[in-house]
């Protein structure tokens, strides 16, 4: 007999989400997406504490602390990032450069690092969209969070210039609904 086995399903759904992110369409079929699944309670706590450190920047960053509580409450956290190595090569200039110059451009670093190819950012968005659609299909509550990605980058958990985090929750009430 298993009591509340649905709690363990978050890790399985997280793996399915990362599969969807990996197989999502990408410009020219070139994959620069990186993924991580966080299920260990100590690792989730490390992530939440880093988010709280970012919240110390001031009132405008208070939402990092709120989101840290969601990380603690979640059964798992999916991380999806962009490890930009080369532009797609279509010279769209969505990044502000042509494809040759972006590689030579001075790097900027803040919560994210830039510049990065606009087409690669679209790839990241499509991968994240594919991942959350899997969570939805399996009735797992989730929310895409910039805050989690910032903390994961600060911790050096992924080799990526841009990271988004998706906490997963399987509870009687959606923990992402009435947030303050």
C-alpha atoms as a PDB file:
ATOM      1  CA  UNK A   1       0.000   0.000   0.000  1.00  0.00           C
ATOM      2  CA  UNK A   2       1.318   3.455  -0.906  1.00  0.00           C
ATOM      3  CA  UNK A   3       0.076   6.560   0.842  1.00  0.00           C
ATOM      4  CA  UNK A   4       0.262   9.818  -1.103  1.00  0.00           C
ATOM      5  CA  UNK A   5       2.487   8.444  -3.893  1.00  0.00           C
ATOM      6  CA  UNK A   6       1.668  11.501  -6.004  1.00  0.00           C
ATOM      7  CA  UNK A   7       4.310  13.463  -4.065  1.00  0.00           C
ATOM      8  CA  UNK A   8       7.015  11.333  -5.654  1.00  0.00           C
ATOM      9  CA  UNK A   9       5.646  11.997  -9.124  1.00  0.00           C
ATOM     10  CA  UNK A  10       7.090  15.528  -9.239  1.00  0.00           C
ATOM     11  CA  UNK A  11      10.550  14.128 -10.010  1.00  0.00           C
ATOM     12  CA  UNK A  12       9.158  11.942 -12.794  1.00  0.00           C
ATOM     13  CA  UNK A  13       7.211  14.837 -14.305  1.00  0.00           C
ATOM     14  CA  UNK A  14      10.345  16.992 -13.968  1.00  0.00           C
ATOM     15  CA  UNK A  15      12.280  14.452 -16.025  1.00  0.00           C
ATOM     16  CA  UNK A  16       9.516  14.384 -18.629  1.00  0.00           C
ATOM     17  CA  UNK A  17       9.622  18.191 -18.740  1.00  0.00           C
ATOM     18  CA  UNK A  18      13.369  18.152 -19.356  1.00  0.00           C
ATOM     19  CA  UNK A  19      12.816  15.623 -22.131  1.00  0.00           C
ATOM     20  CA  UNK A  20      10.307  18.008 -23.720  1.00  0.00           C
ATOM     21  CA  UNK A  21      12.766  20.901 -23.391  1.00  0.00           C
ATOM     22  CA  UNK A  22      15.513  18.842 -25.006  1.00  0.00           C
ATOM     23  CA  UNK A  23      13.378  17.721 -27.943  1.00  0.00           C
ATOM     24  CA  UNK A  24      11.695  21.100 -28.500  1.00  0.00           C
ATOM     25  CA  UNK A  25      12.383  22.619 -31.930  1.00  0.00           C
ATOM     26  CA  UNK A  26      15.521  24.743 -32.111  1.00  0.00           C
ATOM     27  CA  UNK A  27      16.857  27.108 -34.766  1.00  0.00           C
ATOM     28  CA  UNK A  28      18.802  25.143 -37.369  1.00  0.00           C
ATOM     29  CA  UNK A  29      18.505  22.082 -35.128  1.00  0.00           C
ATOM     30  CA  UNK A  30      21.380  23.354 -32.960  1.00  0.00           C
ATOM     31  CA  UNK A  31      20.880  22.686 -29.261  1.00  0.00           C
ATOM     32  CA  UNK A  32      22.391  25.087 -26.714  1.00  0.00           C
ATOM     33  CA  UNK A  33      19.896  24.308 -23.951  1.00  0.00           C
ATOM     34  CA  UNK A  34      21.103  23.039 -20.553  1.00  0.00           C
ATOM     35  CA  UNK A  35      18.880  21.468 -17.911  1.00  0.00           C
ATOM     36  CA  UNK A  36      18.918  20.484 -14.243  1.00  0.00           C
ATOM     37  CA  UNK A  37      16.356  18.812 -11.979  1.00  0.00           C
ATOM     38  CA  UNK A  38      16.513  19.730  -8.287  1.00  0.00           C
ATOM     39  CA  UNK A  39      14.717  17.359  -5.897  1.00  0.00           C
ATOM     40  CA  UNK A  40      17.053  17.182  -2.901  1.00  0.00           C
ATOM     41  CA  UNK A  41      15.629  19.191   0.030  1.00  0.00           C
ATOM     42  CA  UNK A  42      19.072  20.559   0.950  1.00  0.00           C
ATOM     43  CA  UNK A  43      19.676  21.756  -2.606  1.00  0.00           C
ATOM     44  CA  UNK A  44      16.239  23.387  -2.686  1.00  0.00           C
ATOM     45  CA  UNK A  45      17.093  25.134   0.588  1.00  0.00           C
ATOM     46  CA  UNK A  46      20.421  26.338  -0.840  1.00  0.00           C
ATOM     47  CA  UNK A  47      18.545  27.747  -3.823  1.00  0.00           C
ATOM     48  CA  UNK A  48      15.942  29.435  -1.595  1.00  0.00           C
ATOM     49  CA  UNK A  49      18.626  31.011   0.593  1.00  0.00           C
ATOM     50  CA  UNK A  50      20.414  32.400  -2.456  1.00  0.00           C
ATOM     51  CA  UNK A  51      17.123  33.899  -3.612  1.00  0.00           C
ATOM     52  CA  UNK A  52      16.764  35.539  -0.196  1.00  0.00           C
ATOM     53  CA  UNK A  53      20.264  36.985  -0.531  1.00  0.00           C
ATOM     54  CA  UNK A  54      19.211  38.605  -3.813  1.00  0.00           C
ATOM     55  CA  UNK A  55      16.125  39.997  -2.040  1.00  0.00           C
ATOM     56  CA  UNK A  56      18.484  41.938   0.236  1.00  0.00           C
ATOM     57  CA  UNK A  57      19.225  44.279  -2.705  1.00  0.00           C
ATOM     58  CA  UNK A  58      16.199  46.293  -1.630  1.00  0.00           C
ATOM     59  CA  UNK A  59      12.445  46.693  -1.763  1.00  0.00           C
ATOM     60  CA  UNK A  60      12.273  46.232  -5.547  1.00  0.00           C
ATOM     61  CA  UNK A  61      13.660  42.709  -5.082  1.00  0.00           C
ATOM     62  CA  UNK A  62      11.278  41.561  -2.319  1.00  0.00           C
ATOM     63  CA  UNK A  63       9.626  39.164  -4.769  1.00  0.00           C
ATOM     64  CA  UNK A  64      12.779  37.005  -4.607  1.00  0.00           C
ATOM     65  CA  UNK A  65      11.962  36.260  -0.952  1.00  0.00           C
ATOM     66  CA  UNK A  66       8.343  35.424  -1.799  1.00  0.00           C
ATOM     67  CA  UNK A  67       9.488  33.074  -4.570  1.00  0.00           C
ATOM     68  CA  UNK A  68      12.028  31.447  -2.213  1.00  0.00           C
ATOM     69  CA  UNK A  69       9.102  30.210  -0.112  1.00  0.00           C
ATOM     70  CA  UNK A  70       7.610  28.599  -3.230  1.00  0.00           C
ATOM     71  CA  UNK A  71      10.919  26.774  -3.798  1.00  0.00           C
ATOM     72  CA  UNK A  72      10.782  25.424  -0.247  1.00  0.00           C
ATOM     73  CA  UNK A  73       7.170  24.291  -0.717  1.00  0.00           C
ATOM     74  CA  UNK A  74       7.767  22.685  -4.128  1.00  0.00           C
ATOM     75  CA  UNK A  75       8.486  18.982  -4.514  1.00  0.00           C
ATOM     76  CA  UNK A  76      10.966  19.668  -7.330  1.00  0.00           C
ATOM     77  CA  UNK A  77      12.478  22.519  -9.330  1.00  0.00           C
ATOM     78  CA  UNK A  78      13.307  22.369 -13.031  1.00  0.00           C
ATOM     79  CA  UNK A  79      16.090  24.627 -14.334  1.00  0.00           C
ATOM     80  CA  UNK A  80      16.395  25.375 -18.037  1.00  0.00           C
ATOM     81  CA  UNK A  81      19.124  27.612 -19.385  1.00  0.00           C
ATOM     82  CA  UNK A  82      20.825  28.851 -22.514  1.00  0.00           C
ATOM     83  CA  UNK A  83      24.539  28.082 -22.892  1.00  0.00           C
ATOM     84  CA  UNK A  84      25.145  30.445 -25.818  1.00  0.00           C
ATOM     85  CA  UNK A  85      28.173  29.456 -27.866  1.00  0.00           C
ATOM     86  CA  UNK A  86      27.410  30.598 -31.406  1.00  0.00           C
ATOM     87  CA  UNK A  87      24.737  32.662 -33.139  1.00  0.00           C
ATOM     88  CA  UNK A  88      22.263  31.056 -35.510  1.00  0.00           C
ATOM     89  CA  UNK A  89      23.836  32.901 -38.431  1.00  0.00           C
ATOM     90  CA  UNK A  90      20.904  34.760 -39.979  1.00  0.00           C
ATOM     91  CA  UNK A  91      22.131  38.264 -39.066  1.00  0.00           C
ATOM     92  CA  UNK A  92      18.710  39.305 -37.735  1.00  0.00           C
ATOM     93  CA  UNK A  93      20.395  41.791 -35.358  1.00  0.00           C
ATOM     94  CA  UNK A  94      17.758  41.181 -32.694  1.00  0.00           C
ATOM     95  CA  UNK A  95      20.631  41.113 -30.202  1.00  0.00           C
ATOM     96  CA  UNK A  96      21.957  44.451 -31.433  1.00  0.00           C
ATOM     97  CA  UNK A  97      24.814  42.955 -33.438  1.00  0.00           C
ATOM     98  CA  UNK A  98      25.367  40.988 -36.608  1.00  0.00           C
ATOM     99  CA  UNK A  99      26.312  37.346 -36.076  1.00  0.00           C
ATOM    100  CA  UNK A 100      30.027  37.959 -36.510  1.00  0.00           C
ATOM    101  CA  UNK A 101      30.165  40.900 -34.105  1.00  0.00           C
ATOM    102  CA  UNK A 102      28.163  39.335 -31.277  1.00  0.00           C
ATOM    103  CA  UNK A 103      30.982  36.887 -30.602  1.00  0.00           C
ATOM    104  CA  UNK A 104      33.463  39.783 -30.347  1.00  0.00           C
ATOM    105  CA  UNK A 105      31.186  42.090 -28.369  1.00  0.00           C
ATOM    106  CA  UNK A 106      32.109  43.062 -24.828  1.00  0.00           C
ATOM    107  CA  UNK A 107      30.333  40.806 -22.357  1.00  0.00           C
ATOM    108  CA  UNK A 108      28.015  42.290 -19.782  1.00  0.00           C
ATOM    109  CA  UNK A 109      27.076  40.492 -16.621  1.00  0.00           C
ATOM    110  CA  UNK A 110      24.261  41.049 -14.187  1.00  0.00           C
ATOM    111  CA  UNK A 111      21.522  38.637 -13.285  1.00  0.00           C
ATOM    112  CA  UNK A 112      22.094  37.332 -16.789  1.00  0.00           C
ATOM    113  CA  UNK A 113      25.085  37.591 -19.112  1.00  0.00           C
ATOM    114  CA  UNK A 114      24.978  39.128 -22.558  1.00  0.00           C
ATOM    115  CA  UNK A 115      24.842  39.711 -25.328  1.00  0.00           C
ATOM    116  CA  UNK A 116      23.242  36.499 -26.535  1.00  0.00           C
ATOM    117  CA  UNK A 117      21.672  35.610 -29.869  1.00  0.00           C
ATOM    118  CA  UNK A 118      17.980  36.550 -30.025  1.00  0.00           C
ATOM    119  CA  UNK A 119      17.207  33.339 -31.924  1.00  0.00           C
ATOM    120  CA  UNK A 120      18.805  31.299 -29.122  1.00  0.00           C
ATOM    121  CA  UNK A 121      16.602  33.136 -26.601  1.00  0.00           C
ATOM    122  CA  UNK A 122      13.604  32.125 -28.695  1.00  0.00           C
ATOM    123  CA  UNK A 123      14.880  28.533 -28.492  1.00  0.00           C
ATOM    124  CA  UNK A 124      14.969  28.873 -24.698  1.00  0.00           C
ATOM    125  CA  UNK A 125      11.408  30.191 -24.647  1.00  0.00           C
ATOM    126  CA  UNK A 126      10.163  27.350 -26.830  1.00  0.00           C
ATOM    127  CA  UNK A 127      11.965  24.802 -24.620  1.00  0.00           C
ATOM    128  CA  UNK A 128      10.423  26.292 -21.470  1.00  0.00           C
ATOM    129  CA  UNK A 129       6.985  26.368 -23.102  1.00  0.00           C
ATOM    130  CA  UNK A 130       7.322  22.723 -24.099  1.00  0.00           C
ATOM    131  CA  UNK A 131       8.372  21.810 -20.559  1.00  0.00           C
ATOM    132  CA  UNK A 132       5.498  23.559 -18.798  1.00  0.00           C
ATOM    133  CA  UNK A 133       3.012  22.021 -21.212  1.00  0.00           C
ATOM    134  CA  UNK A 134       4.123  18.611 -19.918  1.00  0.00           C
ATOM    135  CA  UNK A 135       3.539  19.711 -16.317  1.00  0.00           C
ATOM    136  CA  UNK A 136       0.089  20.988 -17.258  1.00  0.00           C
ATOM    137  CA  UNK A 137      -0.811  17.736 -19.018  1.00  0.00           C
ATOM    138  CA  UNK A 138       0.082  15.852 -15.827  1.00  0.00           C
ATOM    139  CA  UNK A 139      -1.847  18.268 -13.564  1.00  0.00           C
ATOM    140  CA  UNK A 140       1.307  19.435 -11.789  1.00  0.00           C
ATOM    141  CA  UNK A 141       1.136  23.052 -10.635  1.00  0.00           C
ATOM    142  CA  UNK A 142       4.066  25.119 -11.847  1.00  0.00           C
ATOM    143  CA  UNK A 143       5.213  28.660 -12.531  1.00  0.00           C
ATOM    144  CA  UNK A 144       8.098  29.945 -14.647  1.00  0.00           C
ATOM    145  CA  UNK A 145      10.342  32.096 -12.439  1.00  0.00           C
ATOM    146  CA  UNK A 146      13.135  34.471 -13.358  1.00  0.00           C
ATOM    147  CA  UNK A 147      14.102  34.624  -9.674  1.00  0.00           C
ATOM    148  CA  UNK A 148      15.026  30.954  -9.463  1.00  0.00           C
ATOM    149  CA  UNK A 149      17.159  31.218 -12.585  1.00  0.00           C
ATOM    150  CA  UNK A 150      19.063  34.188 -11.174  1.00  0.00           C
ATOM    151  CA  UNK A 151      19.851  32.285  -7.971  1.00  0.00           C
ATOM    152  CA  UNK A 152      20.873  29.126  -9.858  1.00  0.00           C
ATOM    153  CA  UNK A 153      23.256  31.200 -12.006  1.00  0.00           C
ATOM    154  CA  UNK A 154      24.738  32.888  -8.933  1.00  0.00           C
ATOM    155  CA  UNK A 155      25.326  29.432  -7.424  1.00  0.00           C
ATOM    156  CA  UNK A 156      27.052  28.296 -10.634  1.00  0.00           C
ATOM    157  CA  UNK A 157      24.730  25.334 -11.054  1.00  0.00           C
ATOM    158  CA  UNK A 158      24.535  25.667 -14.844  1.00  0.00           C
ATOM    159  CA  UNK A 159      26.917  26.863 -17.511  1.00  0.00           C
ATOM    160  CA  UNK A 160      24.399  29.304 -18.953  1.00  0.00           C
ATOM    161  CA  UNK A 161      23.992  33.002 -19.610  1.00  0.00           C
ATOM    162  CA  UNK A 162      20.219  32.930 -19.063  1.00  0.00           C
ATOM    163  CA  UNK A 163      18.375  30.537 -16.730  1.00  0.00           C
ATOM    164  CA  UNK A 164      14.709  30.145 -15.824  1.00  0.00           C
ATOM    165  CA  UNK A 165      13.386  28.023 -12.965  1.00  0.00           C
ATOM    166  CA  UNK A 166      10.114  26.137 -12.749  1.00  0.00           C
ATOM    167  CA  UNK A 167       9.034  24.889  -9.309  1.00  0.00           C
ATOM    168  CA  UNK A 168       6.663  21.911  -9.328  1.00  0.00           C
ATOM    169  CA  UNK A 169       3.953  21.387  -6.752  1.00  0.00           C
ATOM    170  CA  UNK A 170       1.474  18.579  -6.196  1.00  0.00           C
ATOM    171  CA  UNK A 171      -0.810  19.688  -3.392  1.00  0.00           C
ATOM    172  CA  UNK A 172      -4.517  20.145  -2.765  1.00  0.00           C
ATOM    173  CA  UNK A 173      -4.167  23.880  -3.444  1.00  0.00           C
ATOM    174  CA  UNK A 174      -1.989  25.627  -6.015  1.00  0.00           C
ATOM    175  CA  UNK A 175       0.848  27.262  -4.030  1.00  0.00           C
ATOM    176  CA  UNK A 176       1.480  29.727  -6.862  1.00  0.00           C
ATOM    177  CA  UNK A 177      -2.027  31.221  -6.840  1.00  0.00           C
ATOM    178  CA  UNK A 178      -2.466  33.464  -3.776  1.00  0.00           C
ATOM    179  CA  UNK A 179       1.091  34.732  -3.443  1.00  0.00           C
ATOM    180  CA  UNK A 180       1.826  38.015  -1.656  1.00  0.00           C
END
